[in-house]
Amino acid sequence: MDKVVDKIAALGVPGLILLVAMAVTGWTGAAAITAALAMLGGPFGMLGGIAVLGIMGLISQGIAQYGFPEIFKAVVDQLYKNGMSKESIKREVNSYPISRDLKDQISNHLEELD
């Protein structure tokens, strides 16, 4: 058991995501891995699932290093630089399932942009 936990811990967040996805499938062994990757990959199948796990690893590293609010603000900055209006960014942010406090922080950050 300890060896399995050590290996999953070495994989970090993607390992936990894969473990949960495998548990949801109801299968065991290679069938669970195959079904979990296919489920995570959606229409792109197992290869898409591998890509999702890789992207989740990158995102989790960024969040751990900088914090969620800072990454969110940086994404908002980039959206604004790419030509998206402040109003459309606000609409989109308000539709996200995030805390009211974070929505207010981003709204205040948008007002400071120019």
N, C-alpha and C. Protein backbone atom coordinates (compact mmCIF):
# COMPACT_ATOMS: atom_id res chain seq x y z
N MET A 1 0.83 -1.20 0.00
CA MET A 1 0.00 0.00 0.00
C MET A 1 0.87 1.26 0.00
N ASP A 2 1.92 1.28 0.83
CA ASP A 2 2.78 2.45 0.90
C ASP A 2 3.45 2.75 -0.43
N LYS A 3 3.81 1.70 -1.16
CA LYS A 3 4.47 1.89 -2.45
C LYS A 3 3.50 2.55 -3.44
N VAL A 4 2.26 2.13 -3.41
CA VAL A 4 1.25 2.70 -4.31
C VAL A 4 1.04 4.17 -3.97
N VAL A 5 0.92 4.49 -2.69
CA VAL A 5 0.70 5.87 -2.25
C VAL A 5 1.89 6.74 -2.64
N ASP A 6 3.11 6.22 -2.48
CA ASP A 6 4.31 6.97 -2.87
C ASP A 6 4.30 7.28 -4.36
N LYS A 7 3.91 6.33 -5.16
CA LYS A 7 3.89 6.54 -6.62
C LYS A 7 2.81 7.54 -7.02
N ILE A 8 1.66 7.47 -6.40
CA ILE A 8 0.59 8.42 -6.71
C ILE A 8 0.98 9.82 -6.25
N ALA A 9 1.61 9.91 -5.07
CA ALA A 9 2.05 11.22 -4.56
C ALA A 9 3.09 11.83 -5.48
N ALA A 10 3.93 11.00 -6.08
CA ALA A 10 4.94 11.51 -7.01
C ALA A 10 4.28 12.11 -8.25
N LEU A 11 3.13 11.60 -8.62
CA LEU A 11 2.42 12.13 -9.78
C LEU A 11 1.67 13.42 -9.46
N GLY A 12 1.41 13.68 -8.18
CA GLY A 12 0.76 14.91 -7.76
C GLY A 12 -0.71 14.97 -8.14
N VAL A 13 -1.14 16.17 -8.47
CA VAL A 13 -2.55 16.41 -8.79
C VAL A 13 -3.05 15.55 -9.95
N PRO A 14 -2.29 15.42 -11.05
CA PRO A 14 -2.78 14.55 -12.12
C PRO A 14 -2.99 13.10 -11.66
N GLY A 15 -2.13 12.63 -10.75
CA GLY A 15 -2.30 11.28 -10.23
C GLY A 15 -3.58 11.13 -9.43
N LEU A 16 -3.90 12.16 -8.64
CA LEU A 16 -5.15 12.12 -7.88
C LEU A 16 -6.36 12.17 -8.80
N ILE A 17 -6.28 12.99 -9.84
CA ILE A 17 -7.39 13.09 -10.79
C ILE A 17 -7.61 11.75 -11.48
N LEU A 18 -6.51 11.12 -11.90
CA LEU A 18 -6.62 9.81 -12.55
C LEU A 18 -7.18 8.77 -11.58
N LEU A 19 -6.74 8.81 -10.34
CA LEU A 19 -7.22 7.86 -9.34
C LEU A 19 -8.73 8.01 -9.13
N VAL A 20 -9.22 9.23 -9.02
CA VAL A 20 -10.65 9.47 -8.85
C VAL A 20 -11.42 9.02 -10.09
N ALA A 21 -10.88 9.34 -11.26
CA ALA A 21 -11.55 8.94 -12.51
C ALA A 21 -11.60 7.41 -12.62
N MET A 22 -10.54 6.75 -12.19
CA MET A 22 -10.54 5.28 -12.22
C MET A 22 -11.58 4.72 -11.26
N ALA A 23 -11.73 5.34 -10.10
CA ALA A 23 -12.72 4.87 -9.12
C ALA A 23 -14.14 5.03 -9.65
N VAL A 24 -14.36 6.10 -10.40
CA VAL A 24 -15.69 6.37 -10.93
C VAL A 24 -16.10 5.35 -12.00
N THR A 25 -15.12 4.81 -12.71
CA THR A 25 -15.45 3.89 -13.81
C THR A 25 -16.08 2.59 -13.32
N GLY A 26 -15.72 2.14 -12.11
CA GLY A 26 -16.25 0.88 -11.63
C GLY A 26 -15.43 -0.31 -12.10
N TRP A 27 -14.43 -0.10 -12.89
CA TRP A 27 -13.57 -1.16 -13.39
C TRP A 27 -12.32 -1.26 -12.51
N THR A 28 -11.51 -2.27 -12.75
CA THR A 28 -10.23 -2.41 -12.06
C THR A 28 -9.14 -2.69 -13.09
N GLY A 29 -7.90 -2.45 -12.68
CA GLY A 29 -6.76 -2.77 -13.53
C GLY A 29 -6.67 -1.90 -14.77
N ALA A 30 -6.21 -2.53 -15.86
CA ALA A 30 -5.98 -1.81 -17.11
C ALA A 30 -7.29 -1.25 -17.68
N ALA A 31 -8.38 -1.96 -17.47
CA ALA A 31 -9.68 -1.47 -17.96
C ALA A 31 -10.05 -0.16 -17.28
N ALA A 32 -9.72 -0.02 -15.99
CA ALA A 32 -10.02 1.21 -15.27
C ALA A 32 -9.19 2.37 -15.80
N ILE A 33 -7.92 2.11 -16.08
CA ILE A 33 -7.04 3.16 -16.62
C ILE A 33 -7.54 3.60 -18.00
N THR A 34 -7.84 2.62 -18.84
CA THR A 34 -8.32 2.92 -20.19
C THR A 34 -9.62 3.72 -20.15
N ALA A 35 -10.57 3.26 -19.34
CA ALA A 35 -11.86 3.94 -19.25
C ALA A 35 -11.70 5.34 -18.65
N ALA A 36 -10.84 5.48 -17.64
CA ALA A 36 -10.64 6.78 -17.00
C ALA A 36 -10.02 7.78 -17.98
N LEU A 37 -9.00 7.35 -18.70
CA LEU A 37 -8.36 8.26 -19.66
C LEU A 37 -9.34 8.65 -20.77
N ALA A 38 -10.11 7.67 -21.24
CA ALA A 38 -11.10 7.97 -22.28
C ALA A 38 -12.17 8.93 -21.76
N MET A 39 -12.57 8.77 -20.50
CA MET A 39 -13.58 9.65 -19.91
C MET A 39 -13.02 11.08 -19.78
N LEU A 40 -11.78 11.18 -19.30
CA LEU A 40 -11.17 12.51 -19.14
C LEU A 40 -10.94 13.18 -20.49
N GLY A 41 -10.66 12.38 -21.51
CA GLY A 41 -10.36 12.93 -22.82
C GLY A 41 -11.58 13.33 -23.63
N GLY A 42 -12.74 12.91 -23.18
CA GLY A 42 -13.97 13.26 -23.90
C GLY A 42 -13.92 12.77 -25.33
N PRO A 43 -14.22 13.62 -26.28
CA PRO A 43 -14.26 13.18 -27.68
C PRO A 43 -12.88 12.83 -28.25
N PHE A 44 -11.82 13.17 -27.54
CA PHE A 44 -10.47 12.89 -28.03
C PHE A 44 -9.91 11.60 -27.45
N GLY A 45 -10.70 10.88 -26.68
CA GLY A 45 -10.33 9.56 -26.19
C GLY A 45 -9.18 9.56 -25.20
N MET A 46 -8.44 8.46 -25.22
CA MET A 46 -7.35 8.28 -24.26
C MET A 46 -6.26 9.33 -24.42
N LEU A 47 -5.92 9.67 -25.66
CA LEU A 47 -4.89 10.68 -25.87
C LEU A 47 -5.33 12.03 -25.32
N GLY A 48 -6.58 12.35 -25.47
CA GLY A 48 -7.11 13.57 -24.88
C GLY A 48 -7.05 13.53 -23.36
N GLY A 49 -7.28 12.36 -22.77
CA GLY A 49 -7.19 12.20 -21.33
C GLY A 49 -5.77 12.42 -20.82
N ILE A 50 -4.79 11.92 -21.57
CA ILE A 50 -3.40 12.15 -21.21
C ILE A 50 -3.08 13.64 -21.29
N ALA A 51 -3.57 14.30 -22.32
CA ALA A 51 -3.35 15.74 -22.46
C ALA A 51 -4.00 16.51 -21.31
N VAL A 52 -5.22 16.11 -20.93
CA VAL A 52 -5.92 16.77 -19.82
C VAL A 52 -5.10 16.65 -18.54
N LEU A 53 -4.56 15.48 -18.29
CA LEU A 53 -3.75 15.29 -17.07
C LEU A 53 -2.50 16.16 -17.11
N GLY A 54 -1.88 16.27 -18.28
CA GLY A 54 -0.70 17.13 -18.41
C GLY A 54 -1.04 18.59 -18.17
N ILE A 55 -2.14 19.04 -18.74
CA ILE A 55 -2.57 20.43 -18.56
C ILE A 55 -2.92 20.68 -17.09
N MET A 56 -3.57 19.72 -16.45
CA MET A 56 -3.91 19.88 -15.03
C MET A 56 -2.65 19.99 -14.18
N GLY A 57 -1.61 19.26 -14.56
CA GLY A 57 -0.34 19.37 -13.84
C GLY A 57 0.26 20.75 -13.96
N LEU A 58 0.23 21.32 -15.17
CA LEU A 58 0.76 22.67 -15.38
C LEU A 58 -0.06 23.71 -14.60
N ILE A 59 -1.37 23.58 -14.66
CA ILE A 59 -2.24 24.53 -13.96
C ILE A 59 -2.02 24.45 -12.45
N SER A 60 -1.92 23.24 -11.93
CA SER A 60 -1.74 23.10 -10.48
C SER A 60 -0.39 23.65 -10.03
N GLN A 61 0.64 23.51 -10.86
CA GLN A 61 1.94 24.10 -10.52
C GLN A 61 1.85 25.62 -10.48
N GLY A 62 1.17 26.20 -11.45
CA GLY A 62 1.01 27.65 -11.49
C GLY A 62 0.22 28.17 -10.30
N ILE A 63 -0.84 27.47 -9.95
CA ILE A 63 -1.65 27.88 -8.80
C ILE A 63 -0.83 27.78 -7.51
N ALA A 64 -0.06 26.71 -7.39
CA ALA A 64 0.75 26.54 -6.18
C ALA A 64 1.83 27.62 -6.08
N GLN A 65 2.36 28.03 -7.23
CA GLN A 65 3.45 29.01 -7.21
C GLN A 65 2.94 30.45 -7.03
N TYR A 66 1.87 30.82 -7.72
CA TYR A 66 1.43 32.21 -7.74
C TYR A 66 0.12 32.47 -7.00
N GLY A 67 -0.70 31.47 -6.83
CA GLY A 67 -2.02 31.65 -6.22
C GLY A 67 -3.08 31.85 -7.28
N PHE A 68 -4.27 31.36 -6.99
CA PHE A 68 -5.37 31.41 -7.96
C PHE A 68 -5.75 32.83 -8.37
N PRO A 69 -5.89 33.77 -7.44
CA PRO A 69 -6.29 35.12 -7.86
C PRO A 69 -5.31 35.78 -8.83
N GLU A 70 -4.02 35.58 -8.62
CA GLU A 70 -3.02 36.19 -9.51
C GLU A 70 -3.07 35.59 -10.91
N ILE A 71 -3.25 34.29 -10.99
CA ILE A 71 -3.35 33.65 -12.31
C ILE A 71 -4.62 34.11 -13.01
N PHE A 72 -5.71 34.19 -12.26
CA PHE A 72 -6.98 34.64 -12.83
C PHE A 72 -6.84 36.06 -13.38
N LYS A 73 -6.18 36.94 -12.61
CA LYS A 73 -5.98 38.32 -13.06
C LYS A 73 -5.11 38.38 -14.31
N ALA A 74 -4.09 37.54 -14.37
CA ALA A 74 -3.22 37.51 -15.54
C ALA A 74 -3.98 37.05 -16.78
N VAL A 75 -4.89 36.10 -16.61
CA VAL A 75 -5.71 35.64 -17.74
C VAL A 75 -6.65 36.75 -18.19
N VAL A 76 -7.22 37.48 -17.22
CA VAL A 76 -8.10 38.61 -17.55
C VAL A 76 -7.31 39.68 -18.31
N ASP A 77 -6.08 39.96 -17.87
CA ASP A 77 -5.22 40.92 -18.57
C ASP A 77 -5.02 40.50 -20.02
N GLN A 78 -4.74 39.22 -20.22
CA GLN A 78 -4.49 38.73 -21.58
C GLN A 78 -5.75 38.81 -22.44
N LEU A 79 -6.89 38.49 -21.86
CA LEU A 79 -8.15 38.60 -22.61
C LEU A 79 -8.38 40.05 -23.05
N TYR A 80 -8.10 40.99 -22.17
CA TYR A 80 -8.27 42.40 -22.49
C TYR A 80 -7.29 42.82 -23.59
N LYS A 81 -6.04 42.36 -23.49
CA LYS A 81 -5.05 42.68 -24.52
C LYS A 81 -5.42 42.09 -25.87
N ASN A 82 -6.13 40.95 -25.84
CA ASN A 82 -6.54 40.29 -27.09
C ASN A 82 -7.77 40.94 -27.71
N GLY A 83 -8.28 42.01 -27.07
CA GLY A 83 -9.38 42.76 -27.68
C GLY A 83 -10.76 42.50 -27.09
N MET A 84 -10.85 41.69 -26.07
CA MET A 84 -12.15 41.45 -25.44
C MET A 84 -12.52 42.67 -24.60
N SER A 85 -13.76 43.10 -24.68
CA SER A 85 -14.18 44.30 -23.93
C SER A 85 -14.28 43.99 -22.44
N LYS A 86 -14.17 45.06 -21.64
CA LYS A 86 -14.28 44.91 -20.19
C LYS A 86 -15.64 44.34 -19.81
N GLU A 87 -16.67 44.81 -20.49
CA GLU A 87 -18.03 44.37 -20.18
C GLU A 87 -18.20 42.88 -20.46
N SER A 88 -17.67 42.40 -21.58
CA SER A 88 -17.81 40.97 -21.88
C SER A 88 -16.98 40.12 -20.92
N ILE A 89 -15.83 40.64 -20.49
CA ILE A 89 -15.03 39.91 -19.50
C ILE A 89 -15.79 39.84 -18.18
N LYS A 90 -16.40 40.95 -17.77
CA LYS A 90 -17.19 40.96 -16.53
C LYS A 90 -18.34 39.96 -16.60
N ARG A 91 -19.04 39.94 -17.75
CA ARG A 91 -20.15 39.01 -17.92
C ARG A 91 -19.67 37.57 -17.78
N GLU A 92 -18.55 37.29 -18.42
CA GLU A 92 -18.02 35.93 -18.38
C GLU A 92 -17.57 35.55 -16.97
N VAL A 93 -16.87 36.45 -16.30
CA VAL A 93 -16.40 36.18 -14.93
C VAL A 93 -17.59 35.97 -14.00
N ASN A 94 -18.63 36.75 -14.15
CA ASN A 94 -19.81 36.61 -13.29
C ASN A 94 -20.54 35.28 -13.51
N SER A 95 -20.32 34.66 -14.66
CA SER A 95 -20.97 33.38 -14.91
C SER A 95 -20.17 32.21 -14.31
N TYR A 96 -18.95 32.46 -13.86
CA TYR A 96 -18.11 31.39 -13.29
C TYR A 96 -18.55 31.05 -11.88
N PRO A 97 -18.42 29.78 -11.48
CA PRO A 97 -18.77 29.38 -10.11
C PRO A 97 -17.61 29.66 -9.13
N ILE A 98 -17.33 30.95 -8.93
CA ILE A 98 -16.26 31.35 -8.00
C ILE A 98 -16.88 32.25 -6.94
N SER A 99 -16.11 32.51 -5.89
CA SER A 99 -16.65 33.31 -4.77
C SER A 99 -16.94 34.74 -5.20
N ARG A 100 -17.86 35.36 -4.49
CA ARG A 100 -18.21 36.77 -4.74
C ARG A 100 -16.98 37.65 -4.51
N ASP A 101 -16.17 37.32 -3.50
CA ASP A 101 -14.96 38.09 -3.21
C ASP A 101 -14.00 38.09 -4.39
N LEU A 102 -13.78 36.92 -4.99
CA LEU A 102 -12.88 36.85 -6.14
C LEU A 102 -13.47 37.59 -7.34
N LYS A 103 -14.77 37.50 -7.53
CA LYS A 103 -15.42 38.25 -8.61
C LYS A 103 -15.23 39.75 -8.41
N ASP A 104 -15.35 40.21 -7.17
CA ASP A 104 -15.15 41.64 -6.87
C ASP A 104 -13.70 42.05 -7.11
N GLN A 105 -12.75 41.20 -6.73
CA GLN A 105 -11.33 41.50 -6.96
C GLN A 105 -11.05 41.65 -8.45
N ILE A 106 -11.61 40.76 -9.24
CA ILE A 106 -11.38 40.80 -10.69
C ILE A 106 -12.06 42.01 -11.30
N SER A 107 -13.27 42.34 -10.81
CA SER A 107 -13.97 43.52 -11.29
C SER A 107 -13.17 44.78 -11.00
N ASN A 108 -12.63 44.89 -9.78
CA ASN A 108 -11.78 46.03 -9.42
C ASN A 108 -10.53 46.07 -10.29
N HIS A 109 -9.97 44.90 -10.55
CA HIS A 109 -8.78 44.82 -11.40
C HIS A 109 -9.09 45.29 -12.82
N LEU A 110 -10.27 44.94 -13.31
CA LEU A 110 -10.68 45.37 -14.66
C LEU A 110 -10.80 46.89 -14.74
N GLU A 111 -11.29 47.51 -13.67
CA GLU A 111 -11.43 48.97 -13.67
C GLU A 111 -10.07 49.67 -13.75
N GLU A 112 -9.03 49.01 -13.23
CA GLU A 112 -7.69 49.59 -13.25
C GLU A 112 -7.00 49.45 -14.60
N LEU A 113 -7.51 48.58 -15.46
CA LEU A 113 -6.87 48.33 -16.76
C LEU A 113 -7.07 49.50 -17.72
N ASP A 114 -6.06 49.72 -18.55
CA ASP A 114 -6.16 50.65 -19.68
C ASP A 114 -4.94 50.63 -20.51
